[in-house]
Amino acid sequence: MTLDLTCQACDASFELDLTELVDDPRVQCPSCDARAPVTMAEGLSNALDDLLGQVARLRPKFQLVFEVESDELPPPYDRERTRAAIDDDEPVEEDLEPEDDQEIGRDADD
């Protein structure tokens, strides 16, 4: 099984074998050497490992075809995050919960 990736830096397309990603969590463009941060690659590797484990459990009852396009993610995953937040793995302002005494469009004194 492979992941089809397109580098945002150089627009090169390449494949990444899932078993290699699970064994060695690294995402790197072979054309320009752009890399995903290690924590991001490890998170993807762990999520795929968990997903494949659940698919294996379903296999006796159901056949599963799973396709994901990163440009077509469902809510709440469809929000764009800033490059700095992705690189630093920090939440962006829209990901933060409002304070209990604040409501959108109202002052706390109302």
N, C-alpha and C. Protein backbone atom coordinates (compact mmCIF):
# COMPACT_ATOMS: atom_id res chain seq x y z
N MET A 1 0.85 -1.17 0.00
CA MET A 1 0.00 0.00 0.00
C MET A 1 0.89 1.24 0.00
N THR A 2 0.45 2.24 -0.72
CA THR A 2 1.24 3.45 -0.82
C THR A 2 0.39 4.70 -0.61
N LEU A 3 1.04 5.76 -0.21
CA LEU A 3 0.44 7.08 -0.16
C LEU A 3 0.97 7.85 -1.36
N ASP A 4 0.10 8.54 -2.07
CA ASP A 4 0.50 9.40 -3.17
C ASP A 4 0.59 10.82 -2.64
N LEU A 5 1.77 11.41 -2.73
CA LEU A 5 1.99 12.75 -2.21
C LEU A 5 2.43 13.69 -3.32
N THR A 6 2.11 14.96 -3.18
CA THR A 6 2.62 16.00 -4.06
C THR A 6 3.25 17.06 -3.17
N CYS A 7 4.51 17.35 -3.42
CA CYS A 7 5.26 18.32 -2.63
C CYS A 7 4.71 19.72 -2.89
N GLN A 8 4.40 20.45 -1.83
CA GLN A 8 3.90 21.81 -1.96
C GLN A 8 5.01 22.78 -2.37
N ALA A 9 6.28 22.42 -2.11
CA ALA A 9 7.40 23.30 -2.43
C ALA A 9 7.78 23.24 -3.91
N CYS A 10 7.84 22.03 -4.48
CA CYS A 10 8.32 21.90 -5.87
C CYS A 10 7.31 21.27 -6.82
N ASP A 11 6.14 20.86 -6.31
CA ASP A 11 5.07 20.27 -7.09
C ASP A 11 5.39 18.88 -7.65
N ALA A 12 6.43 18.25 -7.12
CA ALA A 12 6.78 16.89 -7.55
C ALA A 12 5.85 15.88 -6.89
N SER A 13 5.44 14.87 -7.63
CA SER A 13 4.60 13.80 -7.09
C SER A 13 5.48 12.59 -6.79
N PHE A 14 5.17 11.92 -5.68
CA PHE A 14 5.93 10.72 -5.31
C PHE A 14 5.06 9.83 -4.44
N GLU A 15 5.47 8.59 -4.30
CA GLU A 15 4.76 7.63 -3.48
C GLU A 15 5.56 7.31 -2.23
N LEU A 16 4.84 7.00 -1.16
CA LEU A 16 5.45 6.61 0.10
C LEU A 16 4.80 5.31 0.54
N ASP A 17 5.59 4.28 0.72
CA ASP A 17 5.07 2.98 1.13
C ASP A 17 4.64 3.04 2.59
N LEU A 18 3.44 2.56 2.89
CA LEU A 18 2.92 2.61 4.25
C LEU A 18 3.78 1.82 5.23
N THR A 19 4.25 0.65 4.83
CA THR A 19 5.06 -0.14 5.76
C THR A 19 6.37 0.57 6.09
N GLU A 20 6.94 1.28 5.12
CA GLU A 20 8.16 2.04 5.40
C GLU A 20 7.86 3.20 6.34
N LEU A 21 6.72 3.86 6.14
CA LEU A 21 6.35 4.98 7.00
C LEU A 21 6.11 4.52 8.43
N VAL A 22 5.47 3.37 8.61
CA VAL A 22 5.22 2.85 9.95
C VAL A 22 6.53 2.46 10.62
N ASP A 23 7.47 1.85 9.85
CA ASP A 23 8.76 1.45 10.40
C ASP A 23 9.68 2.64 10.66
N ASP A 24 9.68 3.62 9.76
CA ASP A 24 10.57 4.77 9.85
C ASP A 24 9.78 6.03 9.50
N PRO A 25 9.14 6.66 10.51
CA PRO A 25 8.27 7.80 10.24
C PRO A 25 9.04 9.01 9.70
N ARG A 26 9.10 9.08 8.38
CA ARG A 26 9.79 10.19 7.72
C ARG A 26 9.06 10.49 6.42
N VAL A 27 8.74 11.76 6.20
CA VAL A 27 8.12 12.18 4.96
C VAL A 27 9.05 13.23 4.34
N GLN A 28 9.64 12.86 3.20
CA GLN A 28 10.62 13.73 2.55
C GLN A 28 10.45 13.66 1.04
N CYS A 29 10.45 14.82 0.40
CA CYS A 29 10.34 14.89 -1.05
C CYS A 29 11.65 14.43 -1.68
N PRO A 30 11.61 13.46 -2.58
CA PRO A 30 12.85 13.00 -3.22
C PRO A 30 13.39 14.00 -4.23
N SER A 31 12.59 14.97 -4.63
CA SER A 31 13.01 15.93 -5.63
C SER A 31 13.75 17.13 -5.02
N CYS A 32 13.15 17.74 -3.99
CA CYS A 32 13.75 18.95 -3.41
C CYS A 32 14.17 18.78 -1.95
N ASP A 33 13.97 17.59 -1.39
CA ASP A 33 14.33 17.28 0.00
C ASP A 33 13.50 18.03 1.05
N ALA A 34 12.35 18.61 0.66
CA ALA A 34 11.46 19.21 1.66
C ALA A 34 11.00 18.10 2.59
N ARG A 35 10.90 18.41 3.88
CA ARG A 35 10.55 17.40 4.88
C ARG A 35 9.41 17.87 5.77
N ALA A 36 8.60 16.92 6.20
CA ALA A 36 7.61 17.19 7.23
C ALA A 36 8.32 17.12 8.58
N PRO A 37 7.91 17.94 9.54
CA PRO A 37 8.51 17.84 10.87
C PRO A 37 8.37 16.42 11.42
N VAL A 38 9.34 15.99 12.19
CA VAL A 38 9.37 14.62 12.72
C VAL A 38 8.11 14.30 13.50
N THR A 39 7.64 15.23 14.33
CA THR A 39 6.44 14.96 15.13
C THR A 39 5.22 14.76 14.23
N MET A 40 5.15 15.49 13.12
CA MET A 40 4.04 15.34 12.19
C MET A 40 4.10 13.98 11.49
N ALA A 41 5.30 13.58 11.05
CA ALA A 41 5.46 12.28 10.39
C ALA A 41 5.17 11.14 11.36
N GLU A 42 5.61 11.28 12.61
CA GLU A 42 5.32 10.25 13.62
C GLU A 42 3.82 10.18 13.90
N GLY A 43 3.15 11.32 13.97
CA GLY A 43 1.71 11.33 14.20
C GLY A 43 0.96 10.65 13.07
N LEU A 44 1.37 10.91 11.82
CA LEU A 44 0.76 10.25 10.67
C LEU A 44 1.02 8.75 10.72
N SER A 45 2.24 8.37 11.04
CA SER A 45 2.60 6.95 11.13
C SER A 45 1.76 6.24 12.19
N ASN A 46 1.62 6.86 13.35
CA ASN A 46 0.83 6.26 14.43
C ASN A 46 -0.65 6.15 14.05
N ALA A 47 -1.17 7.19 13.42
CA ALA A 47 -2.58 7.17 13.01
C ALA A 47 -2.82 6.09 11.96
N LEU A 48 -1.91 5.95 11.01
CA LEU A 48 -2.07 4.91 9.99
C LEU A 48 -1.95 3.52 10.59
N ASP A 49 -1.06 3.35 11.55
CA ASP A 49 -0.92 2.07 12.23
C ASP A 49 -2.23 1.71 12.94
N ASP A 50 -2.82 2.68 13.65
CA ASP A 50 -4.11 2.46 14.32
C ASP A 50 -5.21 2.16 13.31
N LEU A 51 -5.25 2.94 12.22
CA LEU A 51 -6.27 2.73 11.19
C LEU A 51 -6.17 1.33 10.59
N LEU A 52 -4.97 0.91 10.24
CA LEU A 52 -4.79 -0.41 9.64
C LEU A 52 -5.17 -1.53 10.62
N GLY A 53 -4.92 -1.32 11.90
CA GLY A 53 -5.33 -2.30 12.90
C GLY A 53 -6.84 -2.44 12.95
N GLN A 54 -7.56 -1.33 12.86
CA GLN A 54 -9.02 -1.38 12.88
C GLN A 54 -9.57 -1.97 11.58
N VAL A 55 -8.92 -1.66 10.46
CA VAL A 55 -9.34 -2.25 9.18
C VAL A 55 -9.18 -3.77 9.23
N ALA A 56 -8.09 -4.24 9.82
CA ALA A 56 -7.87 -5.68 9.94
C ALA A 56 -8.97 -6.33 10.77
N ARG A 57 -9.46 -5.63 11.80
CA ARG A 57 -10.54 -6.17 12.63
C ARG A 57 -11.86 -6.23 11.88
N LEU A 58 -12.08 -5.28 10.96
CA LEU A 58 -13.32 -5.25 10.17
C LEU A 58 -13.31 -6.25 9.02
N ARG A 59 -12.12 -6.62 8.56
CA ARG A 59 -11.98 -7.43 7.35
C ARG A 59 -12.81 -8.71 7.33
N PRO A 60 -12.99 -9.43 8.44
CA PRO A 60 -13.81 -10.65 8.37
C PRO A 60 -15.28 -10.38 8.00
N LYS A 61 -15.77 -9.17 8.28
CA LYS A 61 -17.19 -8.86 8.02
C LYS A 61 -17.40 -7.93 6.83
N PHE A 62 -16.42 -7.06 6.55
CA PHE A 62 -16.60 -6.03 5.53
C PHE A 62 -15.33 -5.82 4.73
N GLN A 63 -15.51 -5.52 3.44
CA GLN A 63 -14.40 -5.06 2.62
C GLN A 63 -14.42 -3.55 2.69
N LEU A 64 -13.28 -2.95 2.87
CA LEU A 64 -13.20 -1.50 3.04
C LEU A 64 -12.29 -0.90 1.98
N VAL A 65 -12.79 0.14 1.31
CA VAL A 65 -11.98 0.95 0.42
C VAL A 65 -11.98 2.35 1.03
N PHE A 66 -10.81 2.87 1.27
CA PHE A 66 -10.67 4.13 1.99
C PHE A 66 -9.84 5.08 1.14
N GLU A 67 -10.41 6.24 0.80
CA GLU A 67 -9.70 7.22 -0.01
C GLU A 67 -9.80 8.57 0.67
N VAL A 68 -8.67 9.26 0.76
CA VAL A 68 -8.64 10.58 1.39
C VAL A 68 -7.91 11.54 0.47
N GLU A 69 -8.56 12.66 0.18
CA GLU A 69 -7.94 13.75 -0.56
C GLU A 69 -7.76 14.88 0.45
N SER A 70 -6.54 15.34 0.67
CA SER A 70 -6.31 16.36 1.69
C SER A 70 -7.00 17.68 1.37
N ASP A 71 -7.30 17.93 0.10
CA ASP A 71 -8.02 19.15 -0.26
C ASP A 71 -9.52 19.03 -0.04
N GLU A 72 -10.01 17.84 0.29
CA GLU A 72 -11.45 17.61 0.45
C GLU A 72 -11.78 17.01 1.81
N LEU A 73 -11.10 17.45 2.85
CA LEU A 73 -11.36 16.92 4.19
C LEU A 73 -12.70 17.45 4.71
N PRO A 74 -13.43 16.61 5.46
CA PRO A 74 -14.71 17.06 6.03
C PRO A 74 -14.46 17.95 7.25
N PRO A 75 -15.46 18.74 7.65
CA PRO A 75 -15.32 19.55 8.86
C PRO A 75 -15.11 18.65 10.07
N PRO A 76 -14.40 19.00 11.05
CA PRO A 76 -13.69 20.25 11.25
C PRO A 76 -12.27 20.23 10.68
N TYR A 77 -11.91 19.21 9.96
CA TYR A 77 -10.55 19.06 9.45
C TYR A 77 -10.29 19.89 8.20
N ASP A 78 -11.30 20.55 7.67
CA ASP A 78 -11.16 21.31 6.44
C ASP A 78 -10.59 22.71 6.64
N ARG A 79 -10.43 23.14 7.89
CA ARG A 79 -9.89 24.47 8.17
C ARG A 79 -8.41 24.51 7.83
N GLU A 80 -8.01 25.61 7.19
CA GLU A 80 -6.59 25.79 6.90
C GLU A 80 -5.90 26.29 8.16
N ARG A 81 -4.71 25.79 8.38
CA ARG A 81 -3.92 26.25 9.52
C ARG A 81 -2.74 27.04 8.98
N THR A 82 -2.24 27.95 9.76
CA THR A 82 -1.11 28.75 9.30
C THR A 82 0.14 27.89 9.25
N ARG A 83 1.06 28.24 8.39
CA ARG A 83 2.32 27.50 8.23
C ARG A 83 3.07 27.45 9.56
N ALA A 84 3.11 28.55 10.31
CA ALA A 84 3.82 28.57 11.58
C ALA A 84 3.21 27.59 12.57
N ALA A 85 1.88 27.52 12.62
CA ALA A 85 1.22 26.61 13.55
C ALA A 85 1.50 25.17 13.17
N ILE A 86 1.53 24.87 11.88
CA ILE A 86 1.82 23.51 11.44
C ILE A 86 3.26 23.15 11.76
N ASP A 87 4.18 24.07 11.46
CA ASP A 87 5.60 23.80 11.71
C ASP A 87 5.89 23.66 13.20
N ASP A 88 5.25 24.50 14.01
CA ASP A 88 5.49 24.46 15.45
C ASP A 88 4.55 23.52 16.18
N ASP A 89 3.56 22.97 15.47
CA ASP A 89 2.56 22.09 16.04
C ASP A 89 1.83 22.76 17.19
N GLU A 90 1.54 24.07 17.01
CA GLU A 90 0.79 24.83 17.99
C GLU A 90 -0.60 25.11 17.45
N PRO A 91 -1.60 25.25 18.33
CA PRO A 91 -2.94 25.57 17.84
C PRO A 91 -2.98 27.00 17.30
N VAL A 92 -3.78 27.22 16.27
CA VAL A 92 -3.99 28.56 15.76
C VAL A 92 -5.19 29.16 16.47
N GLU A 93 -5.39 30.46 16.34
CA GLU A 93 -6.44 31.15 17.08
C GLU A 93 -7.81 30.51 16.91
N GLU A 94 -8.14 30.08 15.68
CA GLU A 94 -9.47 29.51 15.45
C GLU A 94 -9.65 28.15 16.11
N ASP A 95 -8.53 27.49 16.50
CA ASP A 95 -8.62 26.19 17.17
C ASP A 95 -8.87 26.32 18.66
N LEU A 96 -8.67 27.54 19.20
CA LEU A 96 -8.81 27.74 20.64
C LEU A 96 -10.26 27.96 21.01
N GLU A 97 -10.66 27.43 22.16
CA GLU A 97 -12.02 27.59 22.65
C GLU A 97 -12.17 29.00 23.23
N PRO A 98 -13.32 29.68 23.02
CA PRO A 98 -13.52 30.99 23.66
C PRO A 98 -13.67 30.82 25.17
N GLU A 99 -13.35 31.89 25.89
CA GLU A 99 -13.51 31.86 27.34
C GLU A 99 -14.97 31.62 27.68
N ASP A 100 -15.25 31.05 28.87
CA ASP A 100 -16.62 30.74 29.28
C ASP A 100 -17.52 31.97 29.31
N ASP A 101 -16.96 33.14 29.69
CA ASP A 101 -17.79 34.32 29.81
C ASP A 101 -17.87 35.10 28.50
N GLN A 102 -17.27 34.57 27.44
CA GLN A 102 -17.31 35.26 26.16
C GLN A 102 -18.18 34.49 25.17
N GLU A 103 -18.98 35.21 24.43
CA GLU A 103 -19.74 34.64 23.34
C GLU A 103 -19.40 35.43 22.09
N ILE A 104 -19.45 34.79 20.98
CA ILE A 104 -19.13 35.47 19.72
C ILE A 104 -20.10 36.62 19.50
N GLY A 105 -19.55 37.82 19.26
CA GLY A 105 -20.39 38.98 18.96
C GLY A 105 -20.96 39.68 20.17
N ARG A 106 -20.62 39.26 21.39
CA ARG A 106 -21.13 39.90 22.61
C ARG A 106 -19.97 40.26 23.53
N ASP A 107 -20.16 41.33 24.28
CA ASP A 107 -19.19 41.69 25.31
C ASP A 107 -19.47 40.85 26.55
N ALA A 108 -18.47 40.66 27.39
CA ALA A 108 -18.65 39.84 28.59
C ALA A 108 -19.58 40.53 29.58
N ASP A 109 -19.77 41.88 29.47
CA ASP A 109 -20.61 42.61 30.40
C ASP A 109 -22.09 42.48 30.09
N ASP A 110 -22.49 42.04 28.90
CA ASP A 110 -23.91 41.96 28.50
C ASP A 110 -24.66 40.91 29.25
